[in-house]
Amino acid sequence: MFRRWGARLRAAGADRGMTTAEYAMGTLAACAFAAVLYKVVTSGAVQALLRSVVQRALDVQF
């Protein structure tokens, strides 16, 4: 049992981390996601919704 576990650990340790191509793809995906998120947050509908939420929060009577 322990031999199989040790073999699995050695096999998994041989492929640690990301390669340069994986870093490039990860960076590209993160930038694309950030661009889409920026466009969504700066759209008129979302800005109006956020403004409404903040306005209602400020108008709460204590």
PDB file of N, CA and C in Angstrom:
ATOM      1  N   MET A   1       0.825  -1.180   0.000  1.00  0.00           N
ATOM      2  CA  MET A   1       0.000   0.000   0.000  1.00  0.00           C
ATOM      3  C   MET A   1       0.873   1.249   0.000  1.00  0.00           C
ATOM      4  N   PHE A   2       1.879   1.285   0.871  1.00  0.00           N
ATOM      5  CA  PHE A   2       2.731   2.468   0.953  1.00  0.00           C
ATOM      6  C   PHE A   2       3.588   2.653  -0.285  1.00  0.00           C
ATOM      7  N   ARG A   3       3.922   1.560  -0.965  1.00  0.00           N
ATOM      8  CA  ARG A   3       4.718   1.663  -2.194  1.00  0.00           C
ATOM      9  C   ARG A   3       3.923   2.364  -3.289  1.00  0.00           C
ATOM     10  N   ARG A   4       2.655   1.983  -3.412  1.00  0.00           N
ATOM     11  CA  ARG A   4       1.820   2.634  -4.430  1.00  0.00           C
ATOM     12  C   ARG A   4       1.659   4.121  -4.117  1.00  0.00           C
ATOM     13  N   TRP A   5       1.473   4.467  -2.846  1.00  0.00           N
ATOM     14  CA  TRP A   5       1.317   5.867  -2.451  1.00  0.00           C
ATOM     15  C   TRP A   5       2.587   6.655  -2.766  1.00  0.00           C
ATOM     16  N   GLY A   6       3.739   6.060  -2.474  1.00  0.00           N
ATOM     17  CA  GLY A   6       5.003   6.723  -2.772  1.00  0.00           C
ATOM     18  C   GLY A   6       5.212   6.910  -4.265  1.00  0.00           C
ATOM     19  N   ALA A   7       4.807   5.922  -5.047  1.00  0.00           N
ATOM     20  CA  ALA A   7       4.935   6.046  -6.498  1.00  0.00           C
ATOM     21  C   ALA A   7       4.041   7.157  -7.029  1.00  0.00           C
ATOM     22  N   ARG A   8       2.862   7.270  -6.481  1.00  0.00           N
ATOM     23  CA  ARG A   8       1.956   8.348  -6.902  1.00  0.00           C
ATOM     24  C   ARG A   8       2.533   9.718  -6.553  1.00  0.00           C
ATOM     25  N   LEU A   9       3.099   9.842  -5.375  1.00  0.00           N
ATOM     26  CA  LEU A   9       3.683  11.122  -4.968  1.00  0.00           C
ATOM     27  C   LEU A   9       4.858  11.493  -5.868  1.00  0.00           C
ATOM     28  N   ARG A  10       5.702  10.523  -6.204  1.00  0.00           N
ATOM     29  CA  ARG A  10       6.846  10.808  -7.085  1.00  0.00           C
ATOM     30  C   ARG A  10       6.370  11.197  -8.475  1.00  0.00           C
ATOM     31  N   ALA A  11       5.350  10.520  -8.982  1.00  0.00           N
ATOM     32  CA  ALA A  11       4.832  10.826 -10.320  1.00  0.00           C
ATOM     33  C   ALA A  11       4.200  12.214 -10.343  1.00  0.00           C
ATOM     34  N   ALA A  12       3.486  12.573  -9.294  1.00  0.00           N
ATOM     35  CA  ALA A  12       2.848  13.891  -9.241  1.00  0.00           C
ATOM     36  C   ALA A  12       3.888  14.985  -9.086  1.00  0.00           C
ATOM     37  N   GLY A  13       4.977  14.713  -8.383  1.00  0.00           N
ATOM     38  CA  GLY A  13       6.011  15.711  -8.167  1.00  0.00           C
ATOM     39  C   GLY A  13       6.802  16.026  -9.418  1.00  0.00           C
ATOM     40  N   ALA A  14       6.745  15.165 -10.411  1.00  0.00           N
ATOM     41  CA  ALA A  14       7.499  15.386 -11.636  1.00  0.00           C
ATOM     42  C   ALA A  14       6.888  16.504 -12.472  1.00  0.00           C
ATOM     43  N   ASP A  15       5.637  16.830 -12.249  1.00  0.00           N
ATOM     44  CA  ASP A  15       4.956  17.839 -13.058  1.00  0.00           C
ATOM     45  C   ASP A  15       4.400  18.923 -12.141  1.00  0.00           C
ATOM     46  N   ARG A  16       5.308  19.667 -11.543  1.00  0.00           N
ATOM     47  CA  ARG A  16       4.881  20.727 -10.633  1.00  0.00           C
ATOM     48  C   ARG A  16       4.926  22.071 -11.337  1.00  0.00           C
ATOM     49  N   GLY A  17       3.977  22.939 -10.993  1.00  0.00           N
ATOM     50  CA  GLY A  17       3.998  24.300 -11.497  1.00  0.00           C
ATOM     51  C   GLY A  17       3.485  24.417 -12.920  1.00  0.00           C
ATOM     52  N   MET A  18       3.486  25.643 -13.402  1.00  0.00           N
ATOM     53  CA  MET A  18       3.019  25.911 -14.753  1.00  0.00           C
ATOM     54  C   MET A  18       4.208  26.217 -15.649  1.00  0.00           C
ATOM     55  N   THR A  19       4.077  25.889 -16.906  1.00  0.00           N
ATOM     56  CA  THR A  19       5.100  26.234 -17.881  1.00  0.00           C
ATOM     57  C   THR A  19       4.849  27.643 -18.384  1.00  0.00           C
ATOM     58  N   THR A  20       5.765  28.155 -19.158  1.00  0.00           N
ATOM     59  CA  THR A  20       5.642  29.516 -19.679  1.00  0.00           C
ATOM     60  C   THR A  20       4.384  29.679 -20.518  1.00  0.00           C
ATOM     61  N   ALA A  21       4.061  28.693 -21.326  1.00  0.00           N
ATOM     62  CA  ALA A  21       2.855  28.773 -22.150  1.00  0.00           C
ATOM     63  C   ALA A  21       1.600  28.805 -21.284  1.00  0.00           C
ATOM     64  N   GLU A  22       1.606  28.048 -20.202  1.00  0.00           N
ATOM     65  CA  GLU A  22       0.455  28.059 -19.308  1.00  0.00           C
ATOM     66  C   GLU A  22       0.331  29.399 -18.600  1.00  0.00           C
ATOM     67  N   TYR A  23       1.458  29.996 -18.230  1.00  0.00           N
ATOM     68  CA  TYR A  23       1.408  31.336 -17.638  1.00  0.00           C
ATOM     69  C   TYR A  23       0.849  32.337 -18.636  1.00  0.00           C
ATOM     70  N   ALA A  24       1.270  32.239 -19.875  1.00  0.00           N
ATOM     71  CA  ALA A  24       0.791  33.161 -20.911  1.00  0.00           C
ATOM     72  C   ALA A  24      -0.708  33.012 -21.106  1.00  0.00           C
ATOM     73  N   MET A  25      -1.204  31.784 -21.175  1.00  0.00           N
ATOM     74  CA  MET A  25      -2.635  31.564 -21.360  1.00  0.00           C
ATOM     75  C   MET A  25      -3.424  32.019 -20.132  1.00  0.00           C
ATOM     76  N   GLY A  26      -2.890  31.778 -18.960  1.00  0.00           N
ATOM     77  CA  GLY A  26      -3.555  32.226 -17.736  1.00  0.00           C
ATOM     78  C   GLY A  26      -3.626  33.742 -17.658  1.00  0.00           C
ATOM     79  N   THR A  27      -2.530  34.401 -18.033  1.00  0.00           N
ATOM     80  CA  THR A  27      -2.504  35.865 -18.036  1.00  0.00           C
ATOM     81  C   THR A  27      -3.477  36.414 -19.062  1.00  0.00           C
ATOM     82  N   LEU A  28      -3.510  35.822 -20.234  1.00  0.00           N
ATOM     83  CA  LEU A  28      -4.431  36.258 -21.275  1.00  0.00           C
ATOM     84  C   LEU A  28      -5.886  36.078 -20.839  1.00  0.00           C
ATOM     85  N   ALA A  29      -6.188  34.961 -20.216  1.00  0.00           N
ATOM     86  CA  ALA A  29      -7.553  34.709 -19.742  1.00  0.00           C
ATOM     87  C   ALA A  29      -7.932  35.700 -18.647  1.00  0.00           C
ATOM     88  N   ALA A  30      -7.006  35.996 -17.742  1.00  0.00           N
ATOM     89  CA  ALA A  30      -7.291  36.953 -16.673  1.00  0.00           C
ATOM     90  C   ALA A  30      -7.526  38.349 -17.238  1.00  0.00           C
ATOM     91  N   CYS A  31      -6.737  38.747 -18.220  1.00  0.00           N
ATOM     92  CA  CYS A  31      -6.922  40.062 -18.844  1.00  0.00           C
ATOM     93  C   CYS A  31      -8.247  40.142 -19.598  1.00  0.00           C
ATOM     94  N   ALA A  32      -8.610  39.084 -20.283  1.00  0.00           N
ATOM     95  CA  ALA A  32      -9.885  39.070 -21.002  1.00  0.00           C
ATOM     96  C   ALA A  32     -11.050  39.146 -20.025  1.00  0.00           C
ATOM     97  N   PHE A  33     -10.963  38.418 -18.932  1.00  0.00           N
ATOM     98  CA  PHE A  33     -12.013  38.464 -17.914  1.00  0.00           C
ATOM     99  C   PHE A  33     -12.109  39.858 -17.307  1.00  0.00           C
ATOM    100  N   ALA A  34     -10.966  40.486 -17.040  1.00  0.00           N
ATOM    101  CA  ALA A  34     -10.964  41.841 -16.479  1.00  0.00           C
ATOM    102  C   ALA A  34     -11.591  42.825 -17.455  1.00  0.00           C
ATOM    103  N   ALA A  35     -11.318  42.681 -18.735  1.00  0.00           N
ATOM    104  CA  ALA A  35     -11.890  43.586 -19.735  1.00  0.00           C
ATOM    105  C   ALA A  35     -13.408  43.437 -19.811  1.00  0.00           C
ATOM    106  N   VAL A  36     -13.887  42.201 -19.786  1.00  0.00           N
ATOM    107  CA  VAL A  36     -15.331  41.968 -19.822  1.00  0.00           C
ATOM    108  C   VAL A  36     -15.986  42.520 -18.555  1.00  0.00           C
ATOM    109  N   LEU A  37     -15.372  42.271 -17.417  1.00  0.00           N
ATOM    110  CA  LEU A  37     -15.914  42.768 -16.157  1.00  0.00           C
ATOM    111  C   LEU A  37     -15.943  44.291 -16.138  1.00  0.00           C
ATOM    112  N   TYR A  38     -14.910  44.939 -16.655  1.00  0.00           N
ATOM    113  CA  TYR A  38     -14.863  46.402 -16.727  1.00  0.00           C
ATOM    114  C   TYR A  38     -16.004  46.934 -17.597  1.00  0.00           C
ATOM    115  N   LYS A  39     -16.212  46.302 -18.750  1.00  0.00           N
ATOM    116  CA  LYS A  39     -17.289  46.745 -19.640  1.00  0.00           C
ATOM    117  C   LYS A  39     -18.657  46.572 -18.978  1.00  0.00           C
ATOM    118  N   VAL A  40     -18.845  45.499 -18.247  1.00  0.00           N
ATOM    119  CA  VAL A  40     -20.125  45.267 -17.582  1.00  0.00           C
ATOM    120  C   VAL A  40     -20.347  46.298 -16.483  1.00  0.00           C
ATOM    121  N   VAL A  41     -19.325  46.530 -15.660  1.00  0.00           N
ATOM    122  CA  VAL A  41     -19.471  47.445 -14.530  1.00  0.00           C
ATOM    123  C   VAL A  41     -19.639  48.886 -14.994  1.00  0.00           C
ATOM    124  N   THR A  42     -19.035  49.253 -16.110  1.00  0.00           N
ATOM    125  CA  THR A  42     -19.142  50.635 -16.586  1.00  0.00           C
ATOM    126  C   THR A  42     -20.326  50.850 -17.528  1.00  0.00           C
ATOM    127  N   SER A  43     -21.127  49.824 -17.744  1.00  0.00           N
ATOM    128  CA  SER A  43     -22.303  50.007 -18.594  1.00  0.00           C
ATOM    129  C   SER A  43     -23.337  50.864 -17.869  1.00  0.00           C
ATOM    130  N   GLY A  44     -24.183  51.526 -18.617  1.00  0.00           N
ATOM    131  CA  GLY A  44     -25.172  52.425 -18.049  1.00  0.00           C
ATOM    132  C   GLY A  44     -26.143  51.743 -17.107  1.00  0.00           C
ATOM    133  N   ALA A  45     -26.585  50.554 -17.467  1.00  0.00           N
ATOM    134  CA  ALA A  45     -27.562  49.844 -16.641  1.00  0.00           C
ATOM    135  C   ALA A  45     -26.977  49.462 -15.283  1.00  0.00           C
ATOM    136  N   VAL A  46     -25.765  48.970 -15.294  1.00  0.00           N
ATOM    137  CA  VAL A  46     -25.132  48.561 -14.035  1.00  0.00           C
ATOM    138  C   VAL A  46     -24.809  49.781 -13.188  1.00  0.00           C
ATOM    139  N   GLN A  47     -24.351  50.853 -13.807  1.00  0.00           N
ATOM    140  CA  GLN A  47     -24.074  52.073 -13.047  1.00  0.00           C
ATOM    141  C   GLN A  47     -25.345  52.607 -12.401  1.00  0.00           C
ATOM    142  N   ALA A  48     -26.451  52.589 -13.120  1.00  0.00           N
ATOM    143  CA  ALA A  48     -27.719  53.043 -12.558  1.00  0.00           C
ATOM    144  C   ALA A  48     -28.148  52.157 -11.393  1.00  0.00           C
ATOM    145  N   LEU A  49     -27.961  50.854 -11.539  1.00  0.00           N
ATOM    146  CA  LEU A  49     -28.312  49.923 -10.468  1.00  0.00           C
ATOM    147  C   LEU A  49     -27.455  50.174  -9.236  1.00  0.00           C
ATOM    148  N   LEU A  50     -26.150  50.322  -9.425  1.00  0.00           N
ATOM    149  CA  LEU A  50     -25.254  50.585  -8.295  1.00  0.00           C
ATOM    150  C   LEU A  50     -25.588  51.919  -7.632  1.00  0.00           C
ATOM    151  N   ARG A  51     -25.867  52.929  -8.444  1.00  0.00           N
ATOM    152  CA  ARG A  51     -26.235  54.234  -7.899  1.00  0.00           C
ATOM    153  C   ARG A  51     -27.518  54.128  -7.076  1.00  0.00           C
ATOM    154  N   SER A  52     -28.479  53.354  -7.557  1.00  0.00           N
ATOM    155  CA  SER A  52     -29.729  53.146  -6.839  1.00  0.00           C
ATOM    156  C   SER A  52     -29.498  52.448  -5.504  1.00  0.00           C
ATOM    157  N   VAL A  53     -28.667  51.434  -5.505  1.00  0.00           N
ATOM    158  CA  VAL A  53     -28.377  50.693  -4.271  1.00  0.00           C
ATOM    159  C   VAL A  53     -27.709  51.605  -3.251  1.00  0.00           C
ATOM    160  N   VAL A  54     -26.725  52.385  -3.686  1.00  0.00           N
ATOM    161  CA  VAL A  54     -26.021  53.289  -2.769  1.00  0.00           C
ATOM    162  C   VAL A  54     -26.967  54.361  -2.262  1.00  0.00           C
ATOM    163  N   GLN A  55     -27.800  54.895  -3.133  1.00  0.00           N
ATOM    164  CA  GLN A  55     -28.745  55.935  -2.728  1.00  0.00           C
ATOM    165  C   GLN A  55     -29.728  55.414  -1.686  1.00  0.00           C
ATOM    166  N   ARG A  56     -30.246  54.200  -1.897  1.00  0.00           N
ATOM    167  CA  ARG A  56     -31.169  53.621  -0.918  1.00  0.00           C
ATOM    168  C   ARG A  56     -30.470  53.355   0.404  1.00  0.00           C
ATOM    169  N   ALA A  57     -29.201  52.948   0.355  1.00  0.00           N
ATOM    170  CA  ALA A  57     -28.451  52.690   1.591  1.00  0.00           C
ATOM    171  C   ALA A  57     -28.224  53.994   2.354  1.00  0.00           C
ATOM    172  N   LEU A  58     -28.001  55.084   1.650  1.00  0.00           N
ATOM    173  CA  LEU A  58     -27.769  56.375   2.304  1.00  0.00           C
ATOM    174  C   LEU A  58     -29.053  56.982   2.838  1.00  0.00           C
ATOM    175  N   ASP A  59     -30.193  56.614   2.268  1.00  0.00           N
ATOM    176  CA  ASP A  59     -31.479  57.178   2.681  1.00  0.00           C
ATOM    177  C   ASP A  59     -32.165  56.404   3.790  1.00  0.00           C
ATOM    178  N   VAL A  60     -31.503  55.381   4.337  1.00  0.00           N
ATOM    179  CA  VAL A  60     -32.105  54.565   5.385  1.00  0.00           C
ATOM    180  C   VAL A  60     -32.270  55.407   6.651  1.00  0.00           C
ATOM    181  N   GLN A  61     -33.474  55.358   7.230  1.00  0.00           N
ATOM    182  CA  GLN A  61     -33.747  56.090   8.467  1.00  0.00           C
ATOM    183  C   GLN A  61     -33.435  55.212   9.664  1.00  0.00           C
ATOM    184  N   PHE A  62     -32.711  55.755  10.616  1.00  0.00           N
ATOM    185  CA  PHE A  62     -32.358  55.007  11.836  1.00  0.00           C
ATOM    186  C   PHE A  62     -33.265  55.384  12.970  1.00  0.00           C
TER     187      PHE A  62
END
